[in-house]
Amino acid sequence: MPTIGFVLMMLGETGGKAEEAVNPMVIPVDLALFSLIAFGILFLIMLKFGWKPIIEGLSKREQMIANQIERAEQSAKQSEALLAEYQSKIAAAAEEASQMIAEAKKDAEASKARIVAEAGAEAERQRQRAIADIQNAKDQALQELAIKSVDSAVSLAGNLIGKEVDANLHEKLIKESLDRFASQN
C-alpha cells in the first residue's frame, strides 16, 4: 500500500521535494496509526452489525446442509427398501412363471396321455368292430356254403333215389347240417 507521502509526491503536492527518495522499508507512524484506527472502527462496526448476520447465515447454512444430508440418508434407505421389495417381487414373479411352466408341462403330459389313451381305445373299438364284421361275414359265408352243399346233396340224393325230397325234409336237413357245421368250428 502506498504511503500518503508517496501519493502526494506523485501528485506534486510536496512543494519541490520530489528529489527525495522514499524508503519502502520505513512505515510512517501517522499512516500506521490511521490504518489501525480505521481497522478498529471497521472491526467494531462489523462486530456490532455484521458478525451476528454472518453467524446466523452460517448456522442456517449448516442446518440446511445437515437437513439435506439427513434427507439424502432417508432417501437412500427408502431406495434400498424399494430395491429389496422389487427384487423380491421379481423373484416371486420368476418363481410363479416357473410354476406356471411346470404346470403347463404337466397339463400337456396329461393331455398327451389322455389323447394317446383315447386313440388306443378307439383303435381297439375299431379292431373289435372289424373282428365282429369278419366273424359275421365268415358266418354268412359258411351259412351260404352249407345251404348250397345241402341243396347239392339233396339234389344228388334225389337223383340217386329217383324221387324228389319234400320241402320240410329239405329244411330239416339244412338245419342239421348248419348245426353240425357250427359245432365243428
Protein backbone atom coordinates (compact mmCIF):
# COMPACT_ATOMS: atom_id res chain seq x y z
CA MET A 1 0.00 0.00 0.00
CA PRO A 2 1.49 3.33 -0.98
CA THR A 3 2.04 5.88 1.73
CA ILE A 4 0.31 9.23 1.79
CA GLY A 5 3.63 10.99 1.32
CA PHE A 6 4.38 8.94 -1.74
CA VAL A 7 0.97 9.65 -3.19
CA LEU A 8 1.34 13.35 -2.52
CA MET A 9 4.78 13.33 -4.05
CA MET A 10 3.46 11.69 -7.14
CA LEU A 11 0.78 14.28 -7.40
CA GLY A 12 3.32 17.03 -7.00
CA GLU A 13 1.98 18.36 -3.71
CA THR A 14 5.24 18.16 -1.78
CA GLY A 15 6.47 21.54 -2.89
CA GLY A 16 9.73 20.73 -4.57
CA LYS A 17 10.83 17.77 -2.55
CA ALA A 18 10.36 15.46 -5.49
CA GLU A 19 14.01 14.53 -5.45
CA GLU A 20 13.80 12.87 -2.05
CA ALA A 21 13.78 9.10 -2.28
CA VAL A 22 11.12 7.23 -0.37
CA ASN A 23 12.29 4.19 1.55
CA PRO A 24 9.81 1.38 1.18
CA MET A 25 11.03 -0.28 4.39
CA VAL A 26 10.06 2.63 6.62
CA ILE A 27 6.47 2.67 7.81
CA PRO A 28 5.17 6.15 8.56
CA VAL A 29 3.69 6.32 12.05
CA ASP A 30 0.83 8.55 11.12
CA LEU A 31 -0.28 6.16 8.36
CA ALA A 32 0.02 3.14 10.64
CA LEU A 33 -1.99 4.89 13.35
CA PHE A 34 -4.65 5.97 10.87
CA SER A 35 -4.85 2.43 9.42
CA LEU A 36 -5.11 0.92 12.90
CA ILE A 37 -7.92 3.28 13.90
CA ALA A 38 -9.78 2.65 10.65
CA PHE A 39 -9.40 -1.11 11.11
CA GLY A 40 -10.63 -0.87 14.72
CA ILE A 41 -13.69 1.16 13.72
CA LEU A 42 -14.42 -1.20 10.87
CA PHE A 43 -13.96 -4.18 13.23
CA LEU A 44 -16.37 -2.68 15.78
CA ILE A 45 -18.93 -1.92 13.07
CA MET A 46 -18.59 -5.44 11.72
CA LEU A 47 -18.78 -6.84 15.23
CA LYS A 48 -21.90 -4.83 16.01
CA PHE A 49 -23.76 -5.12 12.70
CA GLY A 50 -22.12 -7.78 10.54
CA TRP A 51 -20.92 -10.56 12.84
CA LYS A 52 -24.39 -11.65 14.00
CA PRO A 53 -25.89 -11.97 10.47
CA ILE A 54 -22.78 -13.81 9.27
CA ILE A 55 -23.02 -16.26 12.20
CA GLU A 56 -26.77 -16.67 11.64
CA GLY A 57 -26.23 -17.24 7.90
CA LEU A 58 -23.53 -19.82 8.59
CA SER A 59 -25.76 -21.52 11.19
CA LYS A 60 -28.67 -21.60 8.76
CA ARG A 61 -26.41 -22.98 6.04
CA GLU A 62 -25.01 -25.61 8.42
CA GLN A 63 -28.57 -26.60 9.44
CA MET A 64 -29.67 -26.74 5.79
CA ILE A 65 -26.71 -28.96 4.86
CA ALA A 66 -27.44 -31.22 7.86
CA ASN A 67 -31.10 -31.47 6.79
CA GLN A 68 -30.09 -32.29 3.22
CA ILE A 69 -27.71 -34.99 4.45
CA GLU A 70 -30.48 -36.45 6.65
CA ARG A 71 -32.96 -36.40 3.74
CA ALA A 72 -30.37 -38.00 1.47
CA GLU A 73 -29.79 -40.77 4.03
CA GLN A 74 -33.55 -41.32 4.36
CA SER A 75 -33.89 -41.40 0.57
CA ALA A 76 -31.04 -43.90 0.35
CA LYS A 77 -32.72 -46.11 2.97
CA GLN A 78 -36.06 -45.86 1.14
CA SER A 79 -34.33 -46.66 -2.15
CA GLU A 80 -32.68 -49.72 -0.62
CA ALA A 81 -36.03 -50.85 0.81
CA LEU A 82 -37.73 -50.37 -2.57
CA LEU A 83 -34.90 -52.18 -4.32
CA ALA A 84 -35.23 -55.11 -1.92
CA GLU A 85 -39.01 -55.12 -2.40
CA TYR A 86 -38.68 -55.05 -6.19
CA GLN A 87 -36.08 -57.79 -6.13
CA SER A 88 -38.38 -59.95 -4.01
CA LYS A 89 -41.28 -59.22 -6.38
CA ILE A 90 -39.10 -60.15 -9.36
CA ALA A 91 -38.05 -63.36 -7.61
CA ALA A 92 -41.69 -64.15 -6.80
CA ALA A 93 -42.71 -63.45 -10.40
CA ALA A 94 -39.91 -65.69 -11.67
CA GLU A 95 -40.99 -68.45 -9.28
CA GLU A 96 -44.61 -68.06 -10.36
CA ALA A 97 -43.59 -68.18 -14.01
CA SER A 98 -41.58 -71.36 -13.45
CA GLN A 99 -44.53 -72.89 -11.59
CA MET A 100 -46.83 -71.94 -14.46
CA ILE A 101 -44.42 -73.51 -16.94
CA ALA A 102 -44.19 -76.67 -14.84
CA GLU A 103 -47.99 -76.80 -14.55
CA ALA A 104 -48.35 -76.27 -18.31
CA LYS A 105 -45.89 -79.12 -18.95
CA LYS A 106 -47.82 -81.31 -16.52
CA ASP A 107 -51.11 -80.42 -18.26
CA ALA A 108 -49.53 -81.11 -21.65
CA GLU A 109 -48.30 -84.52 -20.48
CA ALA A 110 -51.75 -85.30 -19.05
CA SER A 111 -53.39 -84.20 -22.32
CA LYS A 112 -50.91 -86.29 -24.28
CA ALA A 113 -51.62 -89.35 -22.13
CA ARG A 114 -55.38 -88.79 -22.43
CA ILE A 115 -55.19 -88.39 -26.23
CA VAL A 116 -53.00 -91.49 -26.56
CA ALA A 117 -55.40 -93.46 -24.33
CA GLU A 118 -58.42 -92.25 -26.33
CA ALA A 119 -56.68 -93.12 -29.60
CA GLY A 120 -55.78 -96.56 -28.24
CA ALA A 121 -59.36 -97.14 -27.09
CA GLU A 122 -60.71 -96.02 -30.47
CA ALA A 123 -58.25 -98.30 -32.26
CA GLU A 124 -59.32 -101.18 -30.02
CA ARG A 125 -63.01 -100.45 -30.74
CA GLN A 126 -62.32 -100.39 -34.48
CA ARG A 127 -60.33 -103.63 -34.21
CA GLN A 128 -63.20 -105.30 -32.29
CA ARG A 129 -65.69 -103.98 -34.84
CA ALA A 130 -63.53 -105.32 -37.69
CA ILE A 131 -63.25 -108.69 -35.95
CA ALA A 132 -67.03 -108.78 -35.46
CA ASP A 133 -67.57 -107.82 -39.13
CA ILE A 134 -65.14 -110.53 -40.21
CA GLN A 135 -66.89 -113.07 -37.97
CA ASN A 136 -70.31 -112.08 -39.35
CA ALA A 137 -69.02 -112.34 -42.93
CA LYS A 138 -67.49 -115.72 -42.13
CA ASP A 139 -70.71 -116.98 -40.54
CA GLN A 140 -72.76 -115.75 -43.50
CA ALA A 141 -70.35 -117.36 -45.97
CA LEU A 142 -70.46 -120.63 -44.06
CA GLN A 143 -74.22 -120.47 -43.93
CA GLU A 144 -74.42 -119.89 -47.68
CA LEU A 145 -71.89 -122.67 -48.24
CA ALA A 146 -73.89 -125.03 -46.05
CA ILE A 147 -77.13 -124.19 -47.86
CA LYS A 148 -75.53 -124.77 -51.24
CA SER A 149 -73.89 -128.01 -50.16
CA VAL A 150 -77.16 -129.32 -48.66
CA ASP A 151 -79.00 -128.30 -51.82
CA SER A 152 -76.40 -130.13 -53.88
CA ALA A 153 -76.51 -133.16 -51.60
CA VAL A 154 -80.32 -133.26 -51.64
CA SER A 155 -80.42 -132.89 -55.37
CA LEU A 156 -77.77 -135.58 -55.77
CA ALA A 157 -79.62 -137.84 -53.35
CA GLY A 158 -82.87 -137.18 -55.20
CA ASN A 159 -81.24 -138.16 -58.46
CA LEU A 160 -79.86 -141.29 -56.92
CA ILE A 161 -83.06 -142.30 -55.31
CA GLY A 162 -85.08 -141.15 -58.23
CA LYS A 163 -87.59 -139.18 -56.36
CA GLU A 164 -87.92 -135.76 -55.02
CA VAL A 165 -87.48 -134.92 -51.32
CA ASP A 166 -90.24 -132.82 -49.86
CA ALA A 167 -89.61 -129.26 -48.66
CA ASN A 168 -89.94 -129.94 -44.91
CA LEU A 169 -87.37 -132.67 -45.03
CA HIS A 170 -85.14 -130.43 -47.10
CA GLU A 171 -85.23 -127.66 -44.44
CA LYS A 172 -84.65 -130.15 -41.66
CA LEU A 173 -81.55 -131.45 -43.43
CA ILE A 174 -80.24 -127.88 -43.92
CA LYS A 175 -80.74 -127.04 -40.27
CA GLU A 176 -78.97 -130.20 -39.07
CA SER A 177 -76.06 -129.54 -41.42
CA LEU A 178 -75.72 -125.96 -40.18
CA ASP A 179 -75.74 -127.10 -36.55
CA ARG A 180 -73.09 -129.74 -37.22
CA PHE A 181 -71.02 -127.26 -39.18
CA ALA A 182 -71.30 -124.60 -36.42
CA SER A 183 -70.37 -127.10 -33.68
CA GLN A 184 -67.25 -128.13 -35.60
CA ASN A 185 -65.98 -124.54 -35.87
